Amino acid sequence: MRRRRAIAVVVALVVAAVALTHEALSPTPFHHTRAPGVFVLAAALAVALLVLAPRVPSLGVAVGAGIAAGGALGTLVSGIAWNGVPDPFVRDGIAFNVSDLAIAVGDVILIAAALAHAWLQRADLRQPA
């Protein structure tokens, strides 16, 4: 579990660093402010992902959690640093950033890995506690 947690934390820090670097180097007219509760939620989500997900004995779950947590940390830090989250990407009227993409991709990987792990360990799921 320590190895998976370490991997999740390193992945989260790398993703957050990439997201913040991109936001710092990409000028954009789109900044949207978020309520302080969003930043509290982002911090709580990142901590929960990094503490709980590595308990599942699956490297894919840990990596997915790390990517999503990195996106949440990127949102938290950018919201504080820029007094609103910069959104350099615009597609069909929707503005978003690398942190948003990381949260979405991390969630997909996390859910897919958790489902795959459950499927592969389905015999263990039927055992009485």
N, C-alpha and C. Protein backbone atom coordinates (compact mmCIF):
# COMPACT_ATOMS: atom_id res chain seq x y z
N MET A 1 0.83 -1.19 0.00
CA MET A 1 0.00 0.00 0.00
C MET A 1 0.87 1.26 0.00
N ARG A 2 1.98 1.24 0.69
CA ARG A 2 2.86 2.41 0.71
C ARG A 2 3.38 2.75 -0.68
N ARG A 3 3.71 1.71 -1.43
CA ARG A 3 4.22 1.93 -2.80
C ARG A 3 3.13 2.57 -3.67
N ARG A 4 1.91 2.06 -3.58
CA ARG A 4 0.81 2.62 -4.38
C ARG A 4 0.50 4.06 -3.94
N ARG A 5 0.57 4.33 -2.64
CA ARG A 5 0.32 5.69 -2.16
C ARG A 5 1.41 6.63 -2.66
N ALA A 6 2.66 6.18 -2.61
CA ALA A 6 3.76 7.01 -3.10
C ALA A 6 3.60 7.31 -4.58
N ILE A 7 3.21 6.30 -5.34
CA ILE A 7 2.98 6.50 -6.78
C ILE A 7 1.86 7.51 -7.00
N ALA A 8 0.76 7.38 -6.26
CA ALA A 8 -0.37 8.30 -6.41
C ALA A 8 0.05 9.73 -6.07
N VAL A 9 0.83 9.90 -5.02
CA VAL A 9 1.27 11.25 -4.62
C VAL A 9 2.19 11.84 -5.68
N VAL A 10 3.15 11.05 -6.18
CA VAL A 10 4.06 11.56 -7.21
C VAL A 10 3.29 11.93 -8.47
N VAL A 11 2.37 11.08 -8.89
CA VAL A 11 1.56 11.38 -10.07
C VAL A 11 0.76 12.66 -9.84
N ALA A 12 0.17 12.82 -8.67
CA ALA A 12 -0.61 14.02 -8.37
C ALA A 12 0.26 15.28 -8.44
N LEU A 13 1.45 15.21 -7.88
CA LEU A 13 2.33 16.38 -7.90
C LEU A 13 2.78 16.73 -9.32
N VAL A 14 3.07 15.71 -10.12
CA VAL A 14 3.48 15.96 -11.51
C VAL A 14 2.32 16.57 -12.30
N VAL A 15 1.13 16.02 -12.15
CA VAL A 15 -0.04 16.55 -12.88
C VAL A 15 -0.32 17.98 -12.45
N ALA A 16 -0.28 18.25 -11.15
CA ALA A 16 -0.52 19.62 -10.67
C ALA A 16 0.53 20.57 -11.21
N ALA A 17 1.79 20.14 -11.23
CA ALA A 17 2.87 21.00 -11.74
C ALA A 17 2.68 21.29 -13.23
N VAL A 18 2.31 20.28 -14.00
CA VAL A 18 2.07 20.48 -15.43
C VAL A 18 0.90 21.43 -15.64
N ALA A 19 -0.18 21.23 -14.90
CA ALA A 19 -1.36 22.08 -15.04
C ALA A 19 -1.03 23.53 -14.69
N LEU A 20 -0.33 23.73 -13.59
CA LEU A 20 -0.01 25.09 -13.16
C LEU A 20 0.98 25.76 -14.10
N THR A 21 1.94 25.00 -14.59
CA THR A 21 2.89 25.55 -15.56
C THR A 21 2.17 25.98 -16.83
N HIS A 22 1.28 25.13 -17.31
CA HIS A 22 0.52 25.46 -18.51
C HIS A 22 -0.32 26.72 -18.29
N GLU A 23 -0.97 26.81 -17.15
CA GLU A 23 -1.81 27.98 -16.89
C GLU A 23 -0.97 29.25 -16.76
N ALA A 24 0.22 29.13 -16.20
CA ALA A 24 1.10 30.29 -16.05
C ALA A 24 1.63 30.77 -17.39
N LEU A 25 1.85 29.84 -18.32
CA LEU A 25 2.45 30.19 -19.61
C LEU A 25 1.44 30.44 -20.72
N SER A 26 0.17 30.19 -20.44
CA SER A 26 -0.87 30.35 -21.47
C SER A 26 -1.78 31.51 -21.12
N PRO A 27 -1.55 32.67 -21.72
CA PRO A 27 -2.44 33.79 -21.44
C PRO A 27 -3.85 33.49 -21.95
N THR A 28 -4.83 33.88 -21.18
CA THR A 28 -6.20 33.63 -21.57
C THR A 28 -7.11 34.73 -21.05
N PRO A 29 -8.09 35.12 -21.83
CA PRO A 29 -9.05 36.11 -21.33
C PRO A 29 -10.10 35.47 -20.41
N PHE A 30 -10.12 34.16 -20.36
CA PHE A 30 -11.14 33.47 -19.58
C PHE A 30 -10.61 33.06 -18.21
N HIS A 31 -11.13 33.71 -17.19
CA HIS A 31 -10.88 33.36 -15.80
C HIS A 31 -12.26 33.30 -15.15
N HIS A 32 -12.51 32.26 -14.43
CA HIS A 32 -13.77 32.30 -13.71
C HIS A 32 -13.50 32.08 -12.23
N THR A 33 -14.17 32.91 -11.48
CA THR A 33 -14.02 32.81 -10.03
C THR A 33 -14.88 31.65 -9.54
N ARG A 34 -14.43 31.07 -8.50
CA ARG A 34 -15.19 29.98 -7.89
C ARG A 34 -15.37 30.31 -6.42
N ALA A 35 -16.44 29.83 -5.87
CA ALA A 35 -16.71 30.05 -4.45
C ALA A 35 -15.63 29.38 -3.61
N PRO A 36 -15.32 29.93 -2.45
CA PRO A 36 -14.29 29.32 -1.59
C PRO A 36 -14.58 27.86 -1.27
N GLY A 37 -15.85 27.50 -1.22
CA GLY A 37 -16.21 26.12 -0.93
C GLY A 37 -15.69 25.15 -1.98
N VAL A 38 -15.56 25.61 -3.22
CA VAL A 38 -15.02 24.76 -4.28
C VAL A 38 -13.57 24.40 -3.98
N PHE A 39 -12.82 25.35 -3.45
CA PHE A 39 -11.41 25.08 -3.14
C PHE A 39 -11.27 24.17 -1.93
N VAL A 40 -12.17 24.33 -0.97
CA VAL A 40 -12.18 23.40 0.18
C VAL A 40 -12.52 22.00 -0.31
N LEU A 41 -13.50 21.90 -1.19
CA LEU A 41 -13.88 20.61 -1.76
C LEU A 41 -12.74 20.00 -2.57
N ALA A 42 -12.02 20.82 -3.34
CA ALA A 42 -10.88 20.33 -4.13
C ALA A 42 -9.80 19.76 -3.21
N ALA A 43 -9.52 20.46 -2.13
CA ALA A 43 -8.50 19.97 -1.19
C ALA A 43 -8.95 18.67 -0.53
N ALA A 44 -10.21 18.62 -0.10
CA ALA A 44 -10.73 17.41 0.54
C ALA A 44 -10.75 16.24 -0.44
N LEU A 45 -11.12 16.50 -1.67
CA LEU A 45 -11.14 15.45 -2.69
C LEU A 45 -9.74 14.91 -2.95
N ALA A 46 -8.77 15.81 -3.08
CA ALA A 46 -7.39 15.37 -3.32
C ALA A 46 -6.88 14.52 -2.16
N VAL A 47 -7.12 14.96 -0.95
CA VAL A 47 -6.67 14.19 0.22
C VAL A 47 -7.36 12.83 0.27
N ALA A 48 -8.67 12.82 0.06
CA ALA A 48 -9.42 11.55 0.10
C ALA A 48 -8.91 10.58 -0.96
N LEU A 49 -8.68 11.07 -2.17
CA LEU A 49 -8.18 10.21 -3.23
C LEU A 49 -6.81 9.63 -2.89
N LEU A 50 -5.93 10.48 -2.34
CA LEU A 50 -4.57 10.02 -2.05
C LEU A 50 -4.49 9.14 -0.81
N VAL A 51 -5.47 9.25 0.08
CA VAL A 51 -5.47 8.42 1.28
C VAL A 51 -6.22 7.11 1.05
N LEU A 52 -7.37 7.17 0.41
CA LEU A 52 -8.23 5.99 0.32
C LEU A 52 -7.97 5.10 -0.89
N ALA A 53 -7.78 5.68 -2.07
CA ALA A 53 -7.65 4.87 -3.28
C ALA A 53 -6.47 3.90 -3.25
N PRO A 54 -5.30 4.29 -2.71
CA PRO A 54 -4.20 3.33 -2.70
C PRO A 54 -4.43 2.10 -1.81
N ARG A 55 -5.49 2.10 -1.02
CA ARG A 55 -5.81 0.91 -0.22
C ARG A 55 -6.27 -0.24 -1.10
N VAL A 56 -6.80 0.08 -2.27
CA VAL A 56 -7.20 -0.96 -3.23
C VAL A 56 -5.92 -1.51 -3.86
N PRO A 57 -5.72 -2.81 -3.82
CA PRO A 57 -4.47 -3.36 -4.37
C PRO A 57 -4.45 -3.37 -5.90
N SER A 58 -4.43 -2.15 -6.47
CA SER A 58 -4.43 -1.99 -7.92
C SER A 58 -3.61 -0.76 -8.27
N LEU A 59 -2.60 -0.94 -9.10
CA LEU A 59 -1.78 0.18 -9.54
C LEU A 59 -2.61 1.15 -10.39
N GLY A 60 -3.53 0.63 -11.20
CA GLY A 60 -4.38 1.48 -12.03
C GLY A 60 -5.25 2.40 -11.20
N VAL A 61 -5.79 1.90 -10.10
CA VAL A 61 -6.60 2.73 -9.21
C VAL A 61 -5.74 3.84 -8.62
N ALA A 62 -4.53 3.50 -8.19
CA ALA A 62 -3.62 4.50 -7.61
C ALA A 62 -3.24 5.57 -8.63
N VAL A 63 -2.95 5.17 -9.85
CA VAL A 63 -2.58 6.13 -10.89
C VAL A 63 -3.77 7.03 -11.24
N GLY A 64 -4.94 6.44 -11.42
CA GLY A 64 -6.14 7.23 -11.71
C GLY A 64 -6.44 8.22 -10.60
N ALA A 65 -6.32 7.77 -9.35
CA ALA A 65 -6.54 8.66 -8.21
C ALA A 65 -5.50 9.78 -8.20
N GLY A 66 -4.26 9.45 -8.51
CA GLY A 66 -3.21 10.47 -8.54
C GLY A 66 -3.47 11.52 -9.61
N ILE A 67 -3.91 11.09 -10.79
CA ILE A 67 -4.20 12.05 -11.86
C ILE A 67 -5.36 12.96 -11.46
N ALA A 68 -6.43 12.37 -10.93
CA ALA A 68 -7.58 13.18 -10.51
C ALA A 68 -7.21 14.11 -9.35
N ALA A 69 -6.43 13.60 -8.40
CA ALA A 69 -6.01 14.44 -7.27
C ALA A 69 -5.11 15.58 -7.75
N GLY A 70 -4.26 15.30 -8.72
CA GLY A 70 -3.42 16.36 -9.28
C GLY A 70 -4.25 17.45 -9.93
N GLY A 71 -5.31 17.05 -10.62
CA GLY A 71 -6.21 18.04 -11.20
C GLY A 71 -6.90 18.87 -10.13
N ALA A 72 -7.32 18.22 -9.05
CA ALA A 72 -7.97 18.95 -7.95
C ALA A 72 -6.98 19.90 -7.29
N LEU A 73 -5.74 19.45 -7.09
CA LEU A 73 -4.72 20.33 -6.52
C LEU A 73 -4.41 21.50 -7.45
N GLY A 74 -4.37 21.23 -8.76
CA GLY A 74 -4.15 22.30 -9.73
C GLY A 74 -5.25 23.35 -9.66
N THR A 75 -6.49 22.91 -9.53
CA THR A 75 -7.62 23.83 -9.39
C THR A 75 -7.49 24.65 -8.11
N LEU A 76 -7.13 23.98 -7.03
CA LEU A 76 -6.97 24.65 -5.75
C LEU A 76 -5.90 25.74 -5.82
N VAL A 77 -4.72 25.37 -6.29
CA VAL A 77 -3.61 26.32 -6.32
C VAL A 77 -3.84 27.44 -7.32
N SER A 78 -4.35 27.11 -8.51
CA SER A 78 -4.56 28.16 -9.51
C SER A 78 -5.65 29.12 -9.06
N GLY A 79 -6.67 28.62 -8.40
CA GLY A 79 -7.72 29.50 -7.90
C GLY A 79 -7.21 30.48 -6.87
N ILE A 80 -6.28 30.03 -6.04
CA ILE A 80 -5.70 30.91 -5.04
C ILE A 80 -4.68 31.85 -5.68
N ALA A 81 -3.82 31.31 -6.54
CA ALA A 81 -2.73 32.09 -7.13
C ALA A 81 -3.23 33.16 -8.09
N TRP A 82 -4.25 32.85 -8.88
CA TRP A 82 -4.72 33.80 -9.90
C TRP A 82 -6.04 34.45 -9.53
N ASN A 83 -6.50 34.23 -8.30
CA ASN A 83 -7.76 34.80 -7.85
C ASN A 83 -8.90 34.44 -8.81
N GLY A 84 -8.90 33.24 -9.26
CA GLY A 84 -9.85 32.72 -10.23
C GLY A 84 -9.12 31.75 -11.12
N VAL A 85 -9.81 30.76 -11.61
CA VAL A 85 -9.16 29.70 -12.37
C VAL A 85 -9.07 30.09 -13.84
N PRO A 86 -7.83 30.16 -14.41
CA PRO A 86 -7.70 30.47 -15.83
C PRO A 86 -8.13 29.28 -16.69
N ASP A 87 -8.82 29.56 -17.76
CA ASP A 87 -9.30 28.52 -18.67
C ASP A 87 -8.81 28.80 -20.08
N PRO A 88 -7.61 28.31 -20.43
CA PRO A 88 -7.04 28.63 -21.75
C PRO A 88 -7.65 27.87 -22.92
N PHE A 89 -8.38 26.79 -22.66
CA PHE A 89 -8.99 26.03 -23.75
C PHE A 89 -10.46 26.43 -23.87
N VAL A 90 -10.90 26.62 -25.11
CA VAL A 90 -12.32 26.90 -25.35
C VAL A 90 -12.77 26.00 -26.49
N ARG A 91 -13.84 25.27 -26.24
CA ARG A 91 -14.39 24.36 -27.26
C ARG A 91 -15.91 24.44 -27.20
N ASP A 92 -16.51 24.85 -28.30
CA ASP A 92 -17.96 24.96 -28.38
C ASP A 92 -18.55 25.79 -27.24
N GLY A 93 -17.88 26.89 -26.91
CA GLY A 93 -18.38 27.79 -25.88
C GLY A 93 -18.10 27.35 -24.46
N ILE A 94 -17.36 26.28 -24.28
CA ILE A 94 -17.02 25.80 -22.94
C ILE A 94 -15.54 26.04 -22.71
N ALA A 95 -15.22 26.76 -21.64
CA ALA A 95 -13.83 27.05 -21.30
C ALA A 95 -13.37 26.08 -20.22
N PHE A 96 -12.15 25.55 -20.37
CA PHE A 96 -11.62 24.59 -19.40
C PHE A 96 -10.11 24.65 -19.41
N ASN A 97 -9.48 23.89 -18.54
CA ASN A 97 -8.03 23.92 -18.42
C ASN A 97 -7.47 22.50 -18.21
N VAL A 98 -6.17 22.40 -18.06
CA VAL A 98 -5.52 21.10 -17.90
C VAL A 98 -6.00 20.41 -16.63
N SER A 99 -6.22 21.17 -15.58
CA SER A 99 -6.71 20.56 -14.33
C SER A 99 -8.07 19.90 -14.54
N ASP A 100 -8.94 20.55 -15.27
CA ASP A 100 -10.25 19.96 -15.56
C ASP A 100 -10.10 18.66 -16.34
N LEU A 101 -9.22 18.67 -17.33
CA LEU A 101 -8.97 17.46 -18.12
C LEU A 101 -8.39 16.34 -17.24
N ALA A 102 -7.48 16.70 -16.35
CA ALA A 102 -6.87 15.70 -15.47
C ALA A 102 -7.91 15.07 -14.56
N ILE A 103 -8.81 15.87 -14.04
CA ILE A 103 -9.86 15.32 -13.18
C ILE A 103 -10.71 14.33 -13.96
N ALA A 104 -11.11 14.70 -15.17
CA ALA A 104 -11.95 13.81 -15.98
C ALA A 104 -11.22 12.53 -16.37
N VAL A 105 -9.99 12.66 -16.86
CA VAL A 105 -9.22 11.48 -17.28
C VAL A 105 -8.89 10.60 -16.07
N GLY A 106 -8.50 11.23 -14.97
CA GLY A 106 -8.20 10.46 -13.76
C GLY A 106 -9.41 9.69 -13.26
N ASP A 107 -10.58 10.32 -13.30
CA ASP A 107 -11.80 9.63 -12.88
C ASP A 107 -12.10 8.42 -13.76
N VAL A 108 -11.93 8.58 -15.07
CA VAL A 108 -12.19 7.47 -15.99
C VAL A 108 -11.24 6.30 -15.70
N ILE A 109 -9.95 6.62 -15.52
CA ILE A 109 -8.97 5.57 -15.23
C ILE A 109 -9.27 4.93 -13.89
N LEU A 110 -9.58 5.73 -12.88
CA LEU A 110 -9.87 5.22 -11.55
C LEU A 110 -11.07 4.27 -11.57
N ILE A 111 -12.14 4.68 -12.21
CA ILE A 111 -13.34 3.85 -12.26
C ILE A 111 -13.09 2.58 -13.07
N ALA A 112 -12.43 2.72 -14.23
CA ALA A 112 -12.15 1.53 -15.05
C ALA A 112 -11.25 0.55 -14.30
N ALA A 113 -10.24 1.06 -13.62
CA ALA A 113 -9.33 0.18 -12.87
C ALA A 113 -10.04 -0.48 -11.69
N ALA A 114 -10.92 0.27 -11.02
CA ALA A 114 -11.67 -0.31 -9.91
C ALA A 114 -12.61 -1.40 -10.39
N LEU A 115 -13.28 -1.17 -11.52
CA LEU A 115 -14.16 -2.19 -12.08
C LEU A 115 -13.38 -3.42 -12.53
N ALA A 116 -12.23 -3.19 -13.17
CA ALA A 116 -11.40 -4.32 -13.60
C ALA A 116 -10.91 -5.11 -12.39
N HIS A 117 -10.49 -4.42 -11.35
CA HIS A 117 -10.02 -5.10 -10.14
C HIS A 117 -11.16 -5.91 -9.52
N ALA A 118 -12.34 -5.31 -9.43
CA ALA A 118 -13.48 -6.02 -8.86
C ALA A 118 -13.82 -7.25 -9.70
N TRP A 119 -13.77 -7.12 -11.02
CA TRP A 119 -14.07 -8.25 -11.89
C TRP A 119 -13.05 -9.37 -11.70
N LEU A 120 -11.79 -9.01 -11.66
CA LEU A 120 -10.74 -10.02 -11.52
C LEU A 120 -10.75 -10.68 -10.14
N GLN A 121 -11.25 -9.97 -9.16
CA GLN A 121 -11.30 -10.50 -7.79
C GLN A 121 -12.72 -10.85 -7.36
N ARG A 122 -13.60 -11.09 -8.32
CA ARG A 122 -15.01 -11.29 -8.01
C ARG A 122 -15.27 -12.47 -7.09
N ALA A 123 -14.43 -13.50 -7.13
CA ALA A 123 -14.62 -14.64 -6.22
C ALA A 123 -14.40 -14.20 -4.78
N ASP A 124 -13.48 -13.30 -4.56
CA ASP A 124 -13.22 -12.81 -3.21
C ASP A 124 -14.35 -11.93 -2.69
N LEU A 125 -15.09 -11.31 -3.59
CA LEU A 125 -16.18 -10.44 -3.16
C LEU A 125 -17.33 -11.21 -2.57
N ARG A 126 -17.45 -12.49 -2.86
CA ARG A 126 -18.55 -13.32 -2.36
C ARG A 126 -18.24 -13.96 -1.02
N GLN A 127 -17.04 -13.85 -0.56
CA GLN A 127 -16.68 -14.47 0.72
C GLN A 127 -17.29 -13.69 1.87
N PRO A 128 -17.77 -14.41 2.89
CA PRO A 128 -18.33 -13.70 4.05
C PRO A 128 -17.23 -12.92 4.78
N ALA A 129 -17.65 -11.86 5.39
CA ALA A 129 -16.68 -11.01 6.11
C ALA A 129 -16.21 -11.61 7.40
